[in-house]
């Protein structure tokens, strides 16, 4: 009897080729120990620069409605520190209208309306044609509850500049807030301010106030 034949053996799997001699995996270069800190300090430095620039721009555009603080670096300090400085200036130059207006504004910001009104009064007596001074004077009077005197200053400002949208708006605001309110007169003044300055800030504010009044039912 013949012995059964065995199936041929499968060839053994070929071993993976050995890595080439001398071939090694390159490791990433080590980080410099101070690189992250330097990046953080660079970002912080940029933030400081932007903050300083923003502060300078804010100081530059922060003006004063009555006259002159934007031209005086002293006026950016707190009002309580500045009053003696400007009073001393006026002792040396009693007719300095610009310093009077700054001092009046400082007193107004401190809520000391009688002192503010006194300085505004002196300023407009020396420079009656100064429309901005009269408007600031009127605002101080209105804030102190002297509506009739405020109205007189606004109307006087319009005598010197009949196309002042700001003066018309202030009159509209005064009539709007008076007690009792004077809505018809307020509407007329707001409409005039809008007409004089259709694209400007006072015209836009006047139209907003006028829309509010028109939407309010008349009692």
Protein backbone atom coordinates (compact mmCIF):
# COMPACT_ATOMS: atom_id res chain seq x y z
CA UNK A 1 0.00 0.00 0.00
CA UNK A 2 1.25 3.43 -0.86
CA UNK A 3 1.56 6.04 1.85
CA UNK A 4 -0.63 9.11 1.33
CA UNK A 5 1.20 12.08 -0.01
CA UNK A 6 1.45 15.15 2.22
CA UNK A 7 0.52 18.53 0.79
CA UNK A 8 3.49 20.77 0.14
CA UNK A 9 4.31 23.09 3.05
CA UNK A 10 3.41 26.78 2.66
CA UNK A 11 6.42 29.00 2.32
CA UNK A 12 7.21 30.92 5.51
CA UNK A 13 6.23 34.63 5.38
CA UNK A 14 9.05 36.87 4.35
CA UNK A 15 10.37 38.94 7.17
CA UNK A 16 9.92 42.70 6.88
CA UNK A 17 12.98 44.33 5.43
CA UNK A 18 15.28 45.56 8.07
CA UNK A 19 15.56 49.26 8.53
CA UNK A 20 18.33 50.79 6.61
CA UNK A 21 21.48 51.13 8.47
CA UNK A 22 21.96 54.58 9.89
CA UNK A 23 18.32 55.60 9.23
CA UNK A 24 16.93 57.23 12.38
CA UNK A 25 13.71 59.19 13.01
CA UNK A 26 14.35 62.91 13.40
CA UNK A 27 12.99 64.39 16.65
CA UNK A 28 11.44 67.87 16.51
CA UNK A 29 13.81 70.59 17.63
CA UNK A 30 13.45 71.33 21.32
CA UNK A 31 11.52 74.49 22.20
CA UNK A 32 13.52 77.35 23.47
CA UNK A 33 12.66 77.77 27.15
CA UNK A 34 11.81 81.47 26.87
CA UNK A 35 9.90 81.51 23.56
CA UNK A 36 6.43 81.22 25.10
CA UNK A 37 7.14 83.91 27.66
CA UNK A 38 8.45 86.22 24.94
CA UNK A 39 5.25 85.72 22.90
CA UNK A 40 3.07 86.52 25.93
CA UNK A 41 5.05 89.68 26.69
CA UNK A 42 4.79 90.77 23.04
CA UNK A 43 0.99 90.43 23.13
CA UNK A 44 0.80 92.31 26.43
CA UNK A 45 2.98 95.06 24.98
CA UNK A 46 0.66 95.48 22.01
CA UNK A 47 -2.35 95.66 24.32
CA UNK A 48 -0.67 98.39 26.36
CA UNK A 49 0.11 100.39 23.20
CA UNK A 50 -3.49 100.11 21.95
CA UNK A 51 -4.80 101.14 25.36
CA UNK A 52 -2.57 104.22 25.41
CA UNK A 53 -3.61 105.19 21.88
CA UNK A 54 -7.28 104.79 22.78
CA UNK A 55 -6.79 106.99 25.84
CA UNK A 56 -5.13 109.72 23.79
CA UNK A 57 -7.93 109.65 21.23
CA UNK A 58 -10.57 109.81 23.98
CA UNK A 59 -8.87 112.82 25.56
CA UNK A 60 -8.63 114.52 22.19
CA UNK A 61 -12.30 114.20 21.36
CA UNK A 62 -13.70 114.92 24.80
CA UNK A 63 -14.69 118.56 24.38
CA UNK A 64 -16.64 121.09 26.34
CA UNK A 65 -19.72 122.79 24.97
CA UNK A 66 -19.13 126.28 26.35
CA UNK A 67 -15.60 127.13 25.34
CA UNK A 68 -12.08 126.03 25.60
CA UNK A 69 -11.27 123.00 27.71
CA UNK A 70 -10.21 120.96 24.67
CA UNK A 71 -7.33 123.42 24.18
CA UNK A 72 -6.17 123.29 27.78
CA UNK A 73 -4.40 120.13 29.01
CA UNK A 74 -5.03 121.19 32.62
CA UNK A 75 -8.76 120.78 32.09
CA UNK A 76 -8.45 117.00 31.80
CA UNK A 77 -7.65 116.72 35.52
CA UNK A 78 -10.42 116.30 38.12
CA UNK A 79 -12.51 119.43 38.66
CA UNK A 80 -11.76 119.56 42.38
CA UNK A 81 -8.04 119.90 41.64
CA UNK A 82 -8.44 122.52 38.93
CA UNK A 83 -10.69 125.18 40.42
CA UNK A 84 -7.89 126.89 42.42
CA UNK A 85 -5.63 126.85 39.34
CA UNK A 86 -8.13 128.71 37.16
CA UNK A 87 -9.15 131.08 39.91
CA UNK A 88 -5.47 132.03 40.23
CA UNK A 89 -5.32 132.62 36.48
CA UNK A 90 -8.27 134.97 36.70
CA UNK A 91 -6.65 136.92 39.50
CA UNK A 92 -3.74 137.54 37.13
CA UNK A 93 -5.99 138.21 34.12
CA UNK A 94 -9.51 139.19 35.25
CA UNK A 95 -10.86 139.61 31.68
CA UNK A 96 -9.85 136.17 30.38
CA UNK A 97 -13.21 134.95 29.05
CA UNK A 98 -11.92 131.52 28.08
CA UNK A 99 -10.72 130.85 31.64
CA UNK A 100 -14.08 132.08 32.99
CA UNK A 101 -15.90 129.57 30.80
CA UNK A 102 -13.62 126.74 31.88
CA UNK A 103 -14.13 127.65 35.53
CA UNK A 104 -17.91 127.88 35.04
CA UNK A 105 -17.91 124.43 33.45
CA UNK A 106 -15.84 122.99 36.29
CA UNK A 107 -18.27 124.34 38.88
CA UNK A 108 -21.18 123.01 36.83
CA UNK A 109 -19.61 119.54 36.71
CA UNK A 110 -19.28 119.66 40.50
CA UNK A 111 -22.97 120.53 40.80
CA UNK A 112 -22.20 124.01 42.19
CA UNK A 113 -24.66 125.81 39.95
CA UNK A 114 -24.71 129.25 41.62
CA UNK A 115 -20.93 129.58 41.17
CA UNK A 116 -21.15 128.25 37.60
CA UNK A 117 -23.94 130.66 36.71
CA UNK A 118 -22.00 133.60 38.16
CA UNK A 119 -18.97 132.85 35.95
CA UNK A 120 -21.10 132.27 32.84
CA UNK A 121 -22.80 135.60 33.47
CA UNK A 122 -19.46 137.41 33.67
CA UNK A 123 -18.23 135.67 30.51
CA UNK A 124 -21.23 136.58 28.34
CA UNK A 125 -21.15 140.15 29.67
CA UNK A 126 -17.60 140.46 28.33
CA UNK A 127 -18.27 138.50 25.13
CA UNK A 128 -22.01 138.73 24.37
CA UNK A 129 -21.70 137.38 20.82
CA UNK A 130 -20.27 134.02 21.97
CA UNK A 131 -23.13 131.68 21.03
CA UNK A 132 -21.57 128.57 22.59
CA UNK A 133 -21.04 130.42 25.87
CA UNK A 134 -24.68 131.50 25.93
CA UNK A 135 -25.86 127.96 25.22
CA UNK A 136 -23.69 126.56 28.02
CA UNK A 137 -24.99 129.33 30.29
CA UNK A 138 -28.56 128.38 29.36
CA UNK A 139 -27.95 124.70 30.11
CA UNK A 140 -26.59 125.57 33.55
CA UNK A 141 -29.63 127.76 34.23
CA UNK A 142 -32.03 125.03 33.06
CA UNK A 143 -30.28 122.43 35.25
CA UNK A 144 -30.67 124.78 38.21
CA UNK A 145 -34.41 125.16 37.58
CA UNK A 146 -34.25 128.66 36.10
CA UNK A 147 -36.17 127.88 32.93
CA UNK A 148 -37.18 131.42 32.03
CA UNK A 149 -33.60 132.67 32.23
CA UNK A 150 -32.41 129.65 30.22
CA UNK A 151 -34.98 130.44 27.54
CA UNK A 152 -33.73 134.02 27.38
CA UNK A 153 -30.13 132.84 26.84
CA UNK A 154 -31.12 130.40 24.09
CA UNK A 155 -33.13 133.07 22.29
CA UNK A 156 -30.27 135.54 22.67
CA UNK A 157 -27.93 132.96 21.10
CA UNK A 158 -30.33 132.75 18.15
CA UNK A 159 -30.19 136.53 17.76
CA UNK A 160 -26.45 136.17 17.11
CA UNK A 161 -26.78 133.01 15.02
CA UNK A 162 -30.26 132.40 13.68
CA UNK A 163 -29.18 129.12 12.08
CA UNK A 164 -27.98 127.37 15.23
CA UNK A 165 -29.61 123.93 15.26
CA UNK A 166 -28.17 123.40 18.72
CA UNK A 167 -29.97 126.48 20.11
CA UNK A 168 -33.23 125.39 18.49
CA UNK A 169 -32.85 121.90 19.94
CA UNK A 170 -32.12 123.29 23.41
CA UNK A 171 -35.25 125.42 23.24
CA UNK A 172 -37.29 122.40 22.14
CA UNK A 173 -35.84 120.38 25.00
CA UNK A 174 -36.63 123.17 27.47
CA UNK A 175 -40.28 123.37 26.33
CA UNK A 176 -40.52 119.58 26.25
CA UNK A 177 -39.40 119.31 29.90
CA UNK A 178 -41.16 122.36 31.28
CA UNK A 179 -43.88 122.04 33.88
CA UNK A 180 -46.47 122.04 32.50
CA UNK A 181 -45.04 120.81 29.18
CA UNK A 182 -45.31 123.00 26.10
CA UNK A 183 -45.48 120.30 23.39
CA UNK A 184 -46.51 122.51 20.47
CA UNK A 185 -43.62 124.91 21.02
CA UNK A 186 -41.27 121.98 21.57
CA UNK A 187 -42.34 120.40 18.27
CA UNK A 188 -41.82 123.66 16.40
CA UNK A 189 -38.28 124.04 17.75
CA UNK A 190 -37.37 120.40 17.10
CA UNK A 191 -38.69 120.72 13.53
CA UNK A 192 -36.59 123.84 13.00
CA UNK A 193 -33.46 122.12 14.35
CA UNK A 194 -34.06 119.20 11.98
CA UNK A 195 -34.52 121.60 9.07
CA UNK A 196 -31.29 123.48 9.87
CA UNK A 197 -29.17 120.37 10.32
CA UNK A 198 -30.81 117.47 8.44
CA UNK A 199 -27.68 115.29 8.41
CA UNK A 200 -26.07 116.45 11.67
CA UNK A 201 -26.27 115.22 15.24
CA UNK A 202 -28.68 117.94 16.43
CA UNK A 203 -31.01 117.32 13.50
CA UNK A 204 -31.09 113.58 14.19
CA UNK A 205 -31.72 114.14 17.90
CA UNK A 206 -34.48 116.61 17.06
CA UNK A 207 -36.21 114.14 14.74
CA UNK A 208 -36.08 111.44 17.41
CA UNK A 209 -37.61 113.81 19.97
CA UNK A 210 -40.22 114.94 17.46
CA UNK A 211 -41.20 111.34 16.68
CA UNK A 212 -41.56 110.66 20.41
CA UNK A 213 -43.78 113.71 20.90
CA UNK A 214 -45.92 112.86 17.88
CA UNK A 215 -46.42 109.34 19.21
CA UNK A 216 -47.48 110.63 22.64
CA UNK A 217 -51.24 111.19 22.89
CA UNK A 218 -52.20 114.75 23.76
CA UNK A 219 -53.98 114.92 27.16
